[in-house]
Amino acid sequence: EIPSDVKIIDLNSKRVRKAIPKIISNLWHHRPQIVMSTLGHLNIAIALFRILMPKNIRFIARETIVVTEKIKRSKHKKLWKFLYRFYYPTFDKIICQSRDMLDDLSSIIGVNKNLVLINNPVDHEGIKSLINIKDPIVERFFCDKSYIYFVAAGRLIKQKGFELLIEAISLTNNPKIRLAILGHGPLEKRLNSLIEYHNLEEQIILTGYQKNPYLWFSKADAFILSSYYEGFPNVVLESLSCGTPVISTPAPGGTKEILEPIEGCYLSNKITAGSLKRAISEFINSGRHRIKNDKISPFKSERICKEYTNIFLGKK
C-alpha cells in the first residue's frame, strides 16, 4: 500500500539497539528536515542519542500506548519512568492518539507544551470496498440468523483481555451467543483450554489471522473490545465504519473518548468479566441496530492527514 515514489531504507536490524548506529548514519547522509518515530522504545532511543544526530532536524515522536499502563507491566519501572520524564521533552512535538494518552504522558513528563492530540484515522472508503467480498468461511459462521453474533479481534496477548471476554460469555449463560475471536498470538492454547473448560466450544471459535477482518465486523451484531488498556483502538473505529455497534471495557486509551457520544454502543463500568457480561446483556436486550456513518466523521483520514500536515509544516 506504500506509494512507489516513497523510498524505503531497510536497516536489516531486528532490535532497536542494533539499528541506532545505522539510523544516525542515514540521518547524516540524507539530512531530512523532519524525523517522526512511532514506537515507544525507538522514541526513547532517538531521544537518548539525539545529541549525535544533525542539529537542524525537527524530531517528532508519536506515542502508541498509555505509558503508565506500559510502565506498570514492565520489569524496570523506575528506569522507564526516568527515561520518559527526562528524555521525551527533548522532542519538538509528541503526538498522542487519545486524550487519555496525552493527560497520562503530561503527568509523567511534567509539561504538555510539546504534546499534541491527533486521533488515528479510519479509511472508511477502503473498508467499504472490502465488506462486500464473498468468503464461504464467513458465510458459514453467520448462517443462522436466530443467533446473536459477536466478533472480537487482536493479537492473542494479555493486554487484549480475551480471557476476560470468554469468562463474560460464560457468565451470560446464553446459548444463542456466537463469538469469533480473530487473530493469533502466544495465548492461543490457553484461550482454547479456557473455552473447553467452560464448555463453550459450540459458541466461541478462534479463527486465527484474517486478511479481511472487516467482512467479519460488518456481519456481526456487535464488536466486543475486552482490553485492559489501549493506545487508541483502531479496531473500534473500523467496526463503527462497518456500521457495527461496539461493546467495550472502559480501557484507558481512547475507548471512552470514541464510544461515549455514540448511542447504541455500550461501555462496561469496570474491566471485569462480570461488568462486561452486564454490558453484553444490556446490548442483547436493546435489540439489533446499526451505527450511522456520520459517527466516524471526526476520524476520517482526510481530516487526520490535515492535522499531521499542520504538524510537519510547524503550524501546530
C-alpha atoms as a PDB file:
ATOM      1  CA  GLU A   1       0.000   0.000   0.000  1.00  0.00           C
ATOM      2  CA  ILE A   2       3.044   2.305   0.187  1.00  0.00           C
ATOM      3  CA  PRO A   3       3.220   4.545  -2.935  1.00  0.00           C
ATOM      4  CA  SER A   4       6.015   3.658  -5.365  1.00  0.00           C
ATOM      5  CA  ASP A   5       7.662   7.085  -5.057  1.00  0.00           C
ATOM      6  CA  VAL A   6       8.307   6.562  -1.315  1.00  0.00           C
ATOM      7  CA  LYS A   7      11.881   5.400  -0.745  1.00  0.00           C
ATOM      8  CA  ILE A   8      12.223   2.587   1.793  1.00  0.00           C
ATOM      9  CA  ILE A   9      15.537   2.043   3.577  1.00  0.00           C
ATOM     10  CA  ASP A  10      15.727  -1.352   5.268  1.00  0.00           C
ATOM     11  CA  LEU A  11      18.165  -1.246   8.198  1.00  0.00           C
ATOM     12  CA  ASN A  12      18.167  -5.062   8.500  1.00  0.00           C
ATOM     13  CA  SER A  13      18.055  -4.801  12.281  1.00  0.00           C
ATOM     14  CA  LYS A  14      15.706  -6.824  14.436  1.00  0.00           C
ATOM     15  CA  ARG A  15      16.409  -4.766  17.571  1.00  0.00           C
ATOM     16  CA  VAL A  16      16.427  -1.031  18.159  1.00  0.00           C
ATOM     17  CA  ARG A  17      19.829  -1.028  19.854  1.00  0.00           C
ATOM     18  CA  LYS A  18      21.416  -2.512  16.728  1.00  0.00           C
ATOM     19  CA  ALA A  19      19.580  -0.098  14.460  1.00  0.00           C
ATOM     20  CA  ILE A  20      20.647   3.121  16.203  1.00  0.00           C
ATOM     21  CA  PRO A  21      24.127   3.411  14.580  1.00  0.00           C
ATOM     22  CA  LYS A  22      22.520   2.853  11.157  1.00  0.00           C
ATOM     23  CA  ILE A  23      19.814   5.429  11.897  1.00  0.00           C
ATOM     24  CA  ILE A  24      22.439   8.002  12.885  1.00  0.00           C
ATOM     25  CA  SER A  25      24.467   7.255   9.753  1.00  0.00           C
ATOM     26  CA  ASN A  26      21.408   7.576   7.490  1.00  0.00           C
ATOM     27  CA  LEU A  27      20.339  10.848   9.065  1.00  0.00           C
ATOM     28  CA  TRP A  28      23.764  12.374   8.421  1.00  0.00           C
ATOM     29  CA  HIS A  29      23.701  11.031   4.860  1.00  0.00           C
ATOM     30  CA  HIS A  30      20.166  12.106   3.898  1.00  0.00           C
ATOM     31  CA  ARG A  31      19.798  15.180   6.174  1.00  0.00           C
ATOM     32  CA  PRO A  32      15.951  15.121   6.376  1.00  0.00           C
ATOM     33  CA  GLN A  33      14.048  18.145   7.647  1.00  0.00           C
ATOM     34  CA  ILE A  34      11.784  16.041   9.861  1.00  0.00           C
ATOM     35  CA  VAL A  35      12.125  12.670  11.586  1.00  0.00           C
ATOM     36  CA  MET A  36       8.997  11.058  13.003  1.00  0.00           C
ATOM     37  CA  SER A  37       9.328   7.884  15.063  1.00  0.00           C
ATOM     38  CA  THR A  38       6.318   5.949  16.217  1.00  0.00           C
ATOM     39  CA  LEU A  39       7.418   3.167  18.558  1.00  0.00           C
ATOM     40  CA  GLY A  40       7.847   3.780  22.297  1.00  0.00           C
ATOM     41  CA  HIS A  41      11.297   2.270  22.845  1.00  0.00           C
ATOM     42  CA  LEU A  42      12.551   3.640  19.486  1.00  0.00           C
ATOM     43  CA  ASN A  43      11.372   7.099  20.567  1.00  0.00           C
ATOM     44  CA  ILE A  44      13.376   6.758  23.776  1.00  0.00           C
ATOM     45  CA  ALA A  45      16.465   5.582  21.875  1.00  0.00           C
ATOM     46  CA  ILE A  46      16.279   8.529  19.460  1.00  0.00           C
ATOM     47  CA  ALA A  47      15.891  10.958  22.360  1.00  0.00           C
ATOM     48  CA  LEU A  48      18.932   9.405  24.094  1.00  0.00           C
ATOM     49  CA  PHE A  49      21.150   9.652  21.020  1.00  0.00           C
ATOM     50  CA  ARG A  50      19.769  12.856  19.510  1.00  0.00           C
ATOM     51  CA  ILE A  51      22.981  14.622  20.520  1.00  0.00           C
ATOM     52  CA  LEU A  52      24.791  12.557  17.867  1.00  0.00           C
ATOM     53  CA  MET A  53      22.349  13.475  15.092  1.00  0.00           C
ATOM     54  CA  PRO A  54      22.241  16.567  12.834  1.00  0.00           C
ATOM     55  CA  LYS A  55      21.110  19.655  14.765  1.00  0.00           C
ATOM     56  CA  ASN A  56      18.733  21.119  12.173  1.00  0.00           C
ATOM     57  CA  ILE A  57      16.262  18.188  12.147  1.00  0.00           C
ATOM     58  CA  ARG A  58      12.825  18.529  13.771  1.00  0.00           C
ATOM     59  CA  PHE A  59      12.155  15.378  15.769  1.00  0.00           C
ATOM     60  CA  ILE A  60       8.548  14.276  16.226  1.00  0.00           C
ATOM     61  CA  ALA A  61       7.525  11.298  18.354  1.00  0.00           C
ATOM     62  CA  ARG A  62       4.199   9.507  18.098  1.00  0.00           C
ATOM     63  CA  GLU A  63       3.253   7.579  21.225  1.00  0.00           C
ATOM     64  CA  THR A  64       1.239   4.380  20.769  1.00  0.00           C
ATOM     65  CA  ILE A  65       0.108   3.429  24.269  1.00  0.00           C
ATOM     66  CA  VAL A  66      -0.960   4.857  27.629  1.00  0.00           C
ATOM     67  CA  VAL A  67       2.556   4.994  29.045  1.00  0.00           C
ATOM     68  CA  THR A  68       1.648   4.459  32.722  1.00  0.00           C
ATOM     69  CA  GLU A  69      -0.059   1.161  31.805  1.00  0.00           C
ATOM     70  CA  LYS A  70       3.059   0.095  29.905  1.00  0.00           C
ATOM     71  CA  ILE A  71       5.381   1.047  32.777  1.00  0.00           C
ATOM     72  CA  LYS A  72       3.184  -0.755  35.353  1.00  0.00           C
ATOM     73  CA  ARG A  73       3.723  -4.016  33.487  1.00  0.00           C
ATOM     74  CA  SER A  74       7.464  -3.611  32.811  1.00  0.00           C
ATOM     75  CA  LYS A  75      10.345  -5.115  34.786  1.00  0.00           C
ATOM     76  CA  HIS A  76      12.243  -1.842  35.208  1.00  0.00           C
ATOM     77  CA  LYS A  77       9.524   0.607  36.227  1.00  0.00           C
ATOM     78  CA  LYS A  78      11.753   3.304  37.730  1.00  0.00           C
ATOM     79  CA  LEU A  79      14.134   3.273  34.775  1.00  0.00           C
ATOM     80  CA  TRP A  80      11.362   3.603  32.187  1.00  0.00           C
ATOM     81  CA  LYS A  81       9.692   6.392  34.145  1.00  0.00           C
ATOM     82  CA  PHE A  82      13.025   8.241  34.343  1.00  0.00           C
ATOM     83  CA  LEU A  83      13.625   7.857  30.595  1.00  0.00           C
ATOM     84  CA  TYR A  84      10.175   9.138  29.689  1.00  0.00           C
ATOM     85  CA  ARG A  85      10.310  12.016  32.174  1.00  0.00           C
ATOM     86  CA  PHE A  86      13.721  13.383  31.195  1.00  0.00           C
ATOM     87  CA  TYR A  87      14.134  12.437  27.530  1.00  0.00           C
ATOM     88  CA  TYR A  88      10.663  12.716  25.956  1.00  0.00           C
ATOM     89  CA  PRO A  89      10.569  16.511  26.463  1.00  0.00           C
ATOM     90  CA  THR A  90      13.553  16.807  24.084  1.00  0.00           C
ATOM     91  CA  PHE A  91      11.251  16.066  21.121  1.00  0.00           C
ATOM     92  CA  ASP A  92       9.960  19.074  19.207  1.00  0.00           C
ATOM     93  CA  LYS A  93       6.480  17.546  19.205  1.00  0.00           C
ATOM     94  CA  ILE A  94       4.918  14.445  20.726  1.00  0.00           C
ATOM     95  CA  ILE A  95       1.737  13.204  19.058  1.00  0.00           C
ATOM     96  CA  CYS A  96      -0.722  11.466  21.382  1.00  0.00           C
ATOM     97  CA  GLN A  97      -3.525   9.422  19.874  1.00  0.00           C
ATOM     98  CA  SER A  98      -6.067   9.946  22.642  1.00  0.00           C
ATOM     99  CA  ARG A  99      -6.930  12.366  25.450  1.00  0.00           C
ATOM    100  CA  ASP A 100      -6.141   9.623  27.999  1.00  0.00           C
ATOM    101  CA  MET A 101      -2.684   9.226  26.483  1.00  0.00           C
ATOM    102  CA  LEU A 102      -2.000  12.960  26.432  1.00  0.00           C
ATOM    103  CA  ASP A 103      -3.105  13.501  30.039  1.00  0.00           C
ATOM    104  CA  ASP A 104      -1.121  10.483  31.202  1.00  0.00           C
ATOM    105  CA  LEU A 105       2.072  11.493  29.383  1.00  0.00           C
ATOM    106  CA  SER A 106       1.716  15.068  30.624  1.00  0.00           C
ATOM    107  CA  SER A 107       1.586  13.802  34.215  1.00  0.00           C
ATOM    108  CA  ILE A 108       4.753  11.740  33.665  1.00  0.00           C
ATOM    109  CA  ILE A 109       6.950  14.338  31.970  1.00  0.00           C
ATOM    110  CA  GLY A 110       5.521  17.271  33.936  1.00  0.00           C
ATOM    111  CA  VAL A 111       4.843  19.502  30.907  1.00  0.00           C
ATOM    112  CA  ASN A 112       2.470  19.458  27.988  1.00  0.00           C
ATOM    113  CA  LYS A 113       3.716  22.328  25.816  1.00  0.00           C
ATOM    114  CA  ASN A 114       5.087  19.972  23.135  1.00  0.00           C
ATOM    115  CA  LEU A 115       2.214  17.454  23.332  1.00  0.00           C
ATOM    116  CA  VAL A 116      -0.497  17.462  20.679  1.00  0.00           C
ATOM    117  CA  LEU A 117      -3.603  15.306  20.342  1.00  0.00           C
ATOM    118  CA  ILE A 118      -4.234  13.681  16.961  1.00  0.00           C
ATOM    119  CA  ASN A 119      -6.559  10.683  16.839  1.00  0.00           C
ATOM    120  CA  ASN A 120      -5.893   7.813  14.478  1.00  0.00           C
ATOM    121  CA  PRO A 121      -7.731   7.895  11.144  1.00  0.00           C
ATOM    122  CA  VAL A 122     -10.100   5.323   9.717  1.00  0.00           C
ATOM    123  CA  ASP A 123     -10.137   4.590   5.982  1.00  0.00           C
ATOM    124  CA  HIS A 124     -13.910   4.452   5.629  1.00  0.00           C
ATOM    125  CA  GLU A 125     -13.946   4.178   1.828  1.00  0.00           C
ATOM    126  CA  GLY A 126     -11.304   1.449   1.830  1.00  0.00           C
ATOM    127  CA  ILE A 127     -13.241  -0.568   4.405  1.00  0.00           C
ATOM    128  CA  LYS A 128     -16.499  -0.148   2.457  1.00  0.00           C
ATOM    129  CA  SER A 129     -14.837  -1.699  -0.587  1.00  0.00           C
ATOM    130  CA  LEU A 130     -13.843  -4.802   1.403  1.00  0.00           C
ATOM    131  CA  ILE A 131     -17.088  -5.667   3.176  1.00  0.00           C
ATOM    132  CA  ASN A 132     -18.868  -6.933   0.065  1.00  0.00           C
ATOM    133  CA  ILE A 133     -16.331  -9.630  -0.783  1.00  0.00           C
ATOM    134  CA  LYS A 134     -17.697 -13.161  -0.505  1.00  0.00           C
ATOM    135  CA  ASP A 135     -15.989 -15.630   1.842  1.00  0.00           C
ATOM    136  CA  PRO A 136     -17.517 -19.083   2.420  1.00  0.00           C
ATOM    137  CA  ILE A 137     -15.956 -19.360   5.913  1.00  0.00           C
ATOM    138  CA  VAL A 138     -17.593 -16.096   6.982  1.00  0.00           C
ATOM    139  CA  GLU A 139     -20.898 -17.041   5.367  1.00  0.00           C
ATOM    140  CA  ARG A 140     -20.884 -20.371   7.184  1.00  0.00           C
ATOM    141  CA  PHE A 141     -20.253 -18.780  10.588  1.00  0.00           C
ATOM    142  CA  PHE A 142     -23.065 -16.236  10.224  1.00  0.00           C
ATOM    143  CA  CYS A 143     -25.539 -18.595   8.536  1.00  0.00           C
ATOM    144  CA  ASP A 144     -28.198 -18.879  11.290  1.00  0.00           C
ATOM    145  CA  LYS A 145     -29.961 -15.565  11.870  1.00  0.00           C
ATOM    146  CA  SER A 146     -31.524 -16.818  15.112  1.00  0.00           C
ATOM    147  CA  TYR A 147     -28.134 -16.471  16.848  1.00  0.00           C
ATOM    148  CA  ILE A 148     -26.566 -13.318  18.305  1.00  0.00           C
ATOM    149  CA  TYR A 149     -23.196 -12.850  16.652  1.00  0.00           C
ATOM    150  CA  PHE A 150     -20.229 -11.130  18.264  1.00  0.00           C
ATOM    151  CA  VAL A 151     -16.716 -10.580  16.909  1.00  0.00           C
ATOM    152  CA  ALA A 152     -13.508  -9.639  18.727  1.00  0.00           C
ATOM    153  CA  ALA A 153     -10.075  -9.129  17.176  1.00  0.00           C
ATOM    154  CA  GLY A 154      -6.473  -8.549  18.115  1.00  0.00           C
ATOM    155  CA  ARG A 155      -3.227 -10.239  18.960  1.00  0.00           C
ATOM    156  CA  LEU A 156      -3.812 -13.021  21.477  1.00  0.00           C
ATOM    157  CA  ILE A 157      -1.924 -11.393  24.357  1.00  0.00           C
ATOM    158  CA  LYS A 158      -2.781 -10.448  27.946  1.00  0.00           C
ATOM    159  CA  GLN A 159      -3.412  -6.767  27.128  1.00  0.00           C
ATOM    160  CA  LYS A 160      -6.409  -7.637  24.933  1.00  0.00           C
ATOM    161  CA  GLY A 161      -8.323  -9.362  27.762  1.00  0.00           C
ATOM    162  CA  PHE A 162      -9.656 -12.304  25.753  1.00  0.00           C
ATOM    163  CA  GLU A 163      -9.707 -14.495  28.879  1.00  0.00           C
ATOM    164  CA  LEU A 164     -11.951 -11.885  30.451  1.00  0.00           C
ATOM    165  CA  LEU A 165     -14.209 -11.962  27.364  1.00  0.00           C
ATOM    166  CA  ILE A 166     -14.535 -15.756  27.430  1.00  0.00           C
ATOM    167  CA  GLU A 167     -15.418 -15.581  31.139  1.00  0.00           C
ATOM    168  CA  ALA A 168     -18.024 -12.894  30.370  1.00  0.00           C
ATOM    169  CA  ILE A 169     -19.650 -15.037  27.655  1.00  0.00           C
ATOM    170  CA  SER A 170     -19.771 -17.950  30.113  1.00  0.00           C
ATOM    171  CA  LEU A 171     -21.468 -15.738  32.706  1.00  0.00           C
ATOM    172  CA  THR A 172     -24.207 -14.704  30.257  1.00  0.00           C
ATOM    173  CA  ASN A 173     -25.327 -18.346  30.113  1.00  0.00           C
ATOM    174  CA  ASN A 174     -26.956 -17.590  26.760  1.00  0.00           C
ATOM    175  CA  PRO A 175     -26.736 -20.495  24.264  1.00  0.00           C
ATOM    176  CA  LYS A 176     -27.773 -18.177  21.407  1.00  0.00           C
ATOM    177  CA  ILE A 177     -24.464 -16.264  21.530  1.00  0.00           C
ATOM    178  CA  ARG A 178     -21.812 -16.991  18.916  1.00  0.00           C
ATOM    179  CA  LEU A 179     -18.385 -15.324  19.213  1.00  0.00           C
ATOM    180  CA  ALA A 180     -15.485 -15.310  16.734  1.00  0.00           C
ATOM    181  CA  ILE A 181     -12.101 -14.113  18.017  1.00  0.00           C
ATOM    182  CA  LEU A 182      -9.863 -13.028  15.120  1.00  0.00           C
ATOM    183  CA  GLY A 183      -6.082 -13.063  15.500  1.00  0.00           C
ATOM    184  CA  HIS A 184      -3.177 -15.178  16.621  1.00  0.00           C
ATOM    185  CA  GLY A 185      -0.625 -14.961  19.417  1.00  0.00           C
ATOM    186  CA  PRO A 186       1.064 -16.718  22.325  1.00  0.00           C
ATOM    187  CA  LEU A 187      -2.135 -17.234  24.356  1.00  0.00           C
ATOM    188  CA  GLU A 188      -3.924 -19.337  21.724  1.00  0.00           C
ATOM    189  CA  LYS A 189      -3.587 -22.662  23.583  1.00  0.00           C
ATOM    190  CA  ARG A 190      -4.553 -21.067  26.881  1.00  0.00           C
ATOM    191  CA  LEU A 191      -7.668 -19.489  25.371  1.00  0.00           C
ATOM    192  CA  ASN A 192      -8.715 -22.760  23.729  1.00  0.00           C
ATOM    193  CA  SER A 193      -8.310 -24.512  27.091  1.00  0.00           C
ATOM    194  CA  LEU A 194     -10.477 -21.856  28.738  1.00  0.00           C
ATOM    195  CA  ILE A 195     -13.157 -22.291  26.066  1.00  0.00           C
ATOM    196  CA  GLU A 196     -13.150 -26.050  26.704  1.00  0.00           C
ATOM    197  CA  TYR A 197     -13.216 -25.532  30.483  1.00  0.00           C
ATOM    198  CA  HIS A 198     -16.436 -23.523  30.180  1.00  0.00           C
ATOM    199  CA  ASN A 199     -17.909 -25.932  27.589  1.00  0.00           C
ATOM    200  CA  LEU A 200     -18.181 -23.128  25.040  1.00  0.00           C
ATOM    201  CA  GLU A 201     -16.767 -24.983  22.018  1.00  0.00           C
ATOM    202  CA  GLU A 202     -20.106 -24.620  20.216  1.00  0.00           C
ATOM    203  CA  GLN A 203     -20.260 -20.888  20.918  1.00  0.00           C
ATOM    204  CA  ILE A 204     -16.722 -19.488  20.637  1.00  0.00           C
ATOM    205  CA  ILE A 205     -14.172 -20.024  17.861  1.00  0.00           C
ATOM    206  CA  LEU A 206     -10.622 -18.752  17.407  1.00  0.00           C
ATOM    207  CA  THR A 207     -10.297 -18.054  13.690  1.00  0.00           C
ATOM    208  CA  GLY A 208      -6.600 -17.162  13.551  1.00  0.00           C
ATOM    209  CA  TYR A 209      -5.361 -14.247  11.455  1.00  0.00           C
ATOM    210  CA  GLN A 210      -7.911 -12.899   8.968  1.00  0.00           C
ATOM    211  CA  LYS A 211      -6.721 -10.863   5.992  1.00  0.00           C
ATOM    212  CA  ASN A 212     -10.114  -9.168   5.686  1.00  0.00           C
ATOM    213  CA  PRO A 213     -11.483  -8.713   9.223  1.00  0.00           C
ATOM    214  CA  TYR A 214     -13.943  -6.065   8.020  1.00  0.00           C
ATOM    215  CA  LEU A 215     -16.122  -8.735   6.450  1.00  0.00           C
ATOM    216  CA  TRP A 216     -16.475 -10.308   9.902  1.00  0.00           C
ATOM    217  CA  PHE A 217     -17.082  -6.926  11.568  1.00  0.00           C
ATOM    218  CA  SER A 218     -19.787  -5.953   9.076  1.00  0.00           C
ATOM    219  CA  LYS A 219     -21.811  -9.140   9.603  1.00  0.00           C
ATOM    220  CA  ALA A 220     -21.616  -9.156  13.413  1.00  0.00           C
ATOM    221  CA  ASP A 221     -24.384  -7.822  15.629  1.00  0.00           C
ATOM    222  CA  ALA A 222     -21.675  -6.154  17.723  1.00  0.00           C
ATOM    223  CA  PHE A 223     -17.924  -5.969  18.091  1.00  0.00           C
ATOM    224  CA  ILE A 224     -16.547  -6.561  21.613  1.00  0.00           C
ATOM    225  CA  LEU A 225     -13.367  -4.919  22.900  1.00  0.00           C
ATOM    226  CA  SER A 226     -12.200  -6.528  26.141  1.00  0.00           C
ATOM    227  CA  SER A 227      -8.817  -4.808  26.551  1.00  0.00           C
ATOM    228  CA  TYR A 228      -7.214  -3.803  29.836  1.00  0.00           C
ATOM    229  CA  TYR A 229      -5.636  -0.780  28.119  1.00  0.00           C
ATOM    230  CA  GLU A 230      -5.120   0.598  24.633  1.00  0.00           C
ATOM    231  CA  GLY A 231      -3.278   3.397  22.850  1.00  0.00           C
ATOM    232  CA  PHE A 232      -6.096   4.226  20.507  1.00  0.00           C
ATOM    233  CA  PRO A 233      -8.290   1.286  19.492  1.00  0.00           C
ATOM    234  CA  ASN A 234      -8.289   1.424  15.684  1.00  0.00           C
ATOM    235  CA  VAL A 235     -10.392  -1.728  15.615  1.00  0.00           C
ATOM    236  CA  VAL A 236     -13.246   0.187  17.304  1.00  0.00           C
ATOM    237  CA  LEU A 237     -13.223   2.813  14.543  1.00  0.00           C
ATOM    238  CA  GLU A 238     -13.096   0.081  11.903  1.00  0.00           C
ATOM    239  CA  SER A 239     -16.104  -1.671  13.428  1.00  0.00           C
ATOM    240  CA  LEU A 240     -18.075   1.574  13.597  1.00  0.00           C
ATOM    241  CA  SER A 241     -17.112   2.246   9.988  1.00  0.00           C
ATOM    242  CA  CYS A 242     -18.779  -1.083   9.123  1.00  0.00           C
ATOM    243  CA  GLY A 243     -21.933   0.151  10.897  1.00  0.00           C
ATOM    244  CA  THR A 244     -21.370  -2.339  13.721  1.00  0.00           C
ATOM    245  CA  PRO A 245     -22.075  -1.309  17.352  1.00  0.00           C
ATOM    246  CA  VAL A 246     -19.293  -1.785  19.911  1.00  0.00           C
ATOM    247  CA  ILE A 247     -19.416  -3.222  23.428  1.00  0.00           C
ATOM    248  CA  SER A 248     -16.279  -2.400  25.375  1.00  0.00           C
ATOM    249  CA  THR A 249     -14.467  -2.281  28.668  1.00  0.00           C
ATOM    250  CA  PRO A 250     -13.522   1.267  29.750  1.00  0.00           C
ATOM    251  CA  ALA A 251      -9.921   0.558  28.715  1.00  0.00           C
ATOM    252  CA  PRO A 252      -7.636   3.576  29.201  1.00  0.00           C
ATOM    253  CA  GLY A 253      -6.558   4.983  25.851  1.00  0.00           C
ATOM    254  CA  GLY A 254      -9.369   6.487  23.791  1.00  0.00           C
ATOM    255  CA  THR A 255     -12.081   3.871  24.205  1.00  0.00           C
ATOM    256  CA  LYS A 256     -14.463   6.075  26.195  1.00  0.00           C
ATOM    257  CA  GLU A 257     -13.443   9.074  24.079  1.00  0.00           C
ATOM    258  CA  ILE A 258     -14.777   7.334  20.974  1.00  0.00           C
ATOM    259  CA  LEU A 259     -17.776   5.443  22.331  1.00  0.00           C
ATOM    260  CA  GLU A 260     -19.420   7.626  24.982  1.00  0.00           C
ATOM    261  CA  PRO A 261     -21.017  10.015  22.440  1.00  0.00           C
ATOM    262  CA  ILE A 262     -22.401   7.180  20.280  1.00  0.00           C
ATOM    263  CA  GLU A 263     -25.858   5.892  21.071  1.00  0.00           C
ATOM    264  CA  GLY A 264     -26.104   2.133  20.642  1.00  0.00           C
ATOM    265  CA  CYS A 265     -22.604   1.362  21.931  1.00  0.00           C
ATOM    266  CA  TYR A 266     -22.095   0.007  25.446  1.00  0.00           C
ATOM    267  CA  LEU A 267     -19.271   0.503  27.950  1.00  0.00           C
ATOM    268  CA  SER A 268     -18.920  -1.715  30.993  1.00  0.00           C
ATOM    269  CA  ASN A 269     -18.438   0.034  34.332  1.00  0.00           C
ATOM    270  CA  LYS A 270     -15.256  -1.875  35.169  1.00  0.00           C
ATOM    271  CA  ILE A 271     -12.649  -4.017  33.464  1.00  0.00           C
ATOM    272  CA  THR A 272     -14.021  -7.260  34.857  1.00  0.00           C
ATOM    273  CA  ALA A 273     -15.808 -10.273  33.397  1.00  0.00           C
ATOM    274  CA  GLY A 274     -18.931  -9.567  35.471  1.00  0.00           C
ATOM    275  CA  SER A 275     -19.152  -5.949  34.356  1.00  0.00           C
ATOM    276  CA  LEU A 276     -18.546  -6.865  30.703  1.00  0.00           C
ATOM    277  CA  LYS A 277     -21.218  -9.562  30.973  1.00  0.00           C
ATOM    278  CA  ARG A 278     -23.727  -6.923  32.129  1.00  0.00           C
ATOM    279  CA  ALA A 279     -22.851  -4.671  29.159  1.00  0.00           C
ATOM    280  CA  ILE A 280     -23.295  -7.614  26.758  1.00  0.00           C
ATOM    281  CA  SER A 281     -26.683  -8.473  28.293  1.00  0.00           C
ATOM    282  CA  GLU A 282     -27.756  -4.841  28.106  1.00  0.00           C
ATOM    283  CA  PHE A 283     -26.878  -4.777  24.409  1.00  0.00           C
ATOM    284  CA  ILE A 284     -28.788  -8.011  23.723  1.00  0.00           C
ATOM    285  CA  ASN A 285     -31.871  -6.685  25.496  1.00  0.00           C
ATOM    286  CA  SER A 286     -31.744  -3.451  23.476  1.00  0.00           C
ATOM    287  CA  GLY A 287     -32.367  -5.207  20.155  1.00  0.00           C
ATOM    288  CA  ARG A 288     -30.269  -5.247  16.971  1.00  0.00           C
ATOM    289  CA  HIS A 289     -29.372  -1.975  15.260  1.00  0.00           C
ATOM    290  CA  ARG A 290     -26.618  -0.396  13.154  1.00  0.00           C
ATOM    291  CA  ILE A 291     -24.384   2.660  13.569  1.00  0.00           C
ATOM    292  CA  LYS A 292     -24.723   5.599  11.161  1.00  0.00           C
ATOM    293  CA  ASN A 293     -21.694   6.598   9.089  1.00  0.00           C
ATOM    294  CA  ASP A 294     -21.626  10.158  10.405  1.00  0.00           C
ATOM    295  CA  LYS A 295     -20.452   8.860  13.796  1.00  0.00           C
ATOM    296  CA  ILE A 296     -16.951   8.240  12.441  1.00  0.00           C
ATOM    297  CA  SER A 297     -16.643  11.551  10.529  1.00  0.00           C
ATOM    298  CA  PRO A 298     -14.252  13.093  13.149  1.00  0.00           C
ATOM    299  CA  PHE A 299     -11.824  10.241  12.416  1.00  0.00           C
ATOM    300  CA  LYS A 300     -11.890  10.233   8.614  1.00  0.00           C
ATOM    301  CA  SER A 301      -8.438  10.112   7.031  1.00  0.00           C
ATOM    302  CA  GLU A 302      -8.755  13.442   5.204  1.00  0.00           C
ATOM    303  CA  ARG A 303      -9.205  15.333   8.473  1.00  0.00           C
ATOM    304  CA  ILE A 304      -6.456  13.473  10.347  1.00  0.00           C
ATOM    305  CA  CYS A 305      -3.973  13.843   7.463  1.00  0.00           C
ATOM    306  CA  LYS A 306      -4.544  17.613   7.512  1.00  0.00           C
ATOM    307  CA  GLU A 307      -3.636  17.673  11.205  1.00  0.00           C
ATOM    308  CA  TYR A 308      -0.395  15.793  10.523  1.00  0.00           C
ATOM    309  CA  THR A 309       0.379  18.198   7.673  1.00  0.00           C
ATOM    310  CA  ASN A 310      -0.002  21.127  10.044  1.00  0.00           C
ATOM    311  CA  ILE A 311       2.429  19.480  12.460  1.00  0.00           C
ATOM    312  CA  PHE A 312       5.011  18.887   9.728  1.00  0.00           C
ATOM    313  CA  LEU A 313       4.672  22.465   8.480  1.00  0.00           C
ATOM    314  CA  GLY A 314       5.041  23.830  12.003  1.00  0.00           C
ATOM    315  CA  LYS A 315       1.522  25.297  12.096  1.00  0.00           C
ATOM    316  CA  LYS A 316       0.512  23.429  15.225  1.00  0.00           C
END
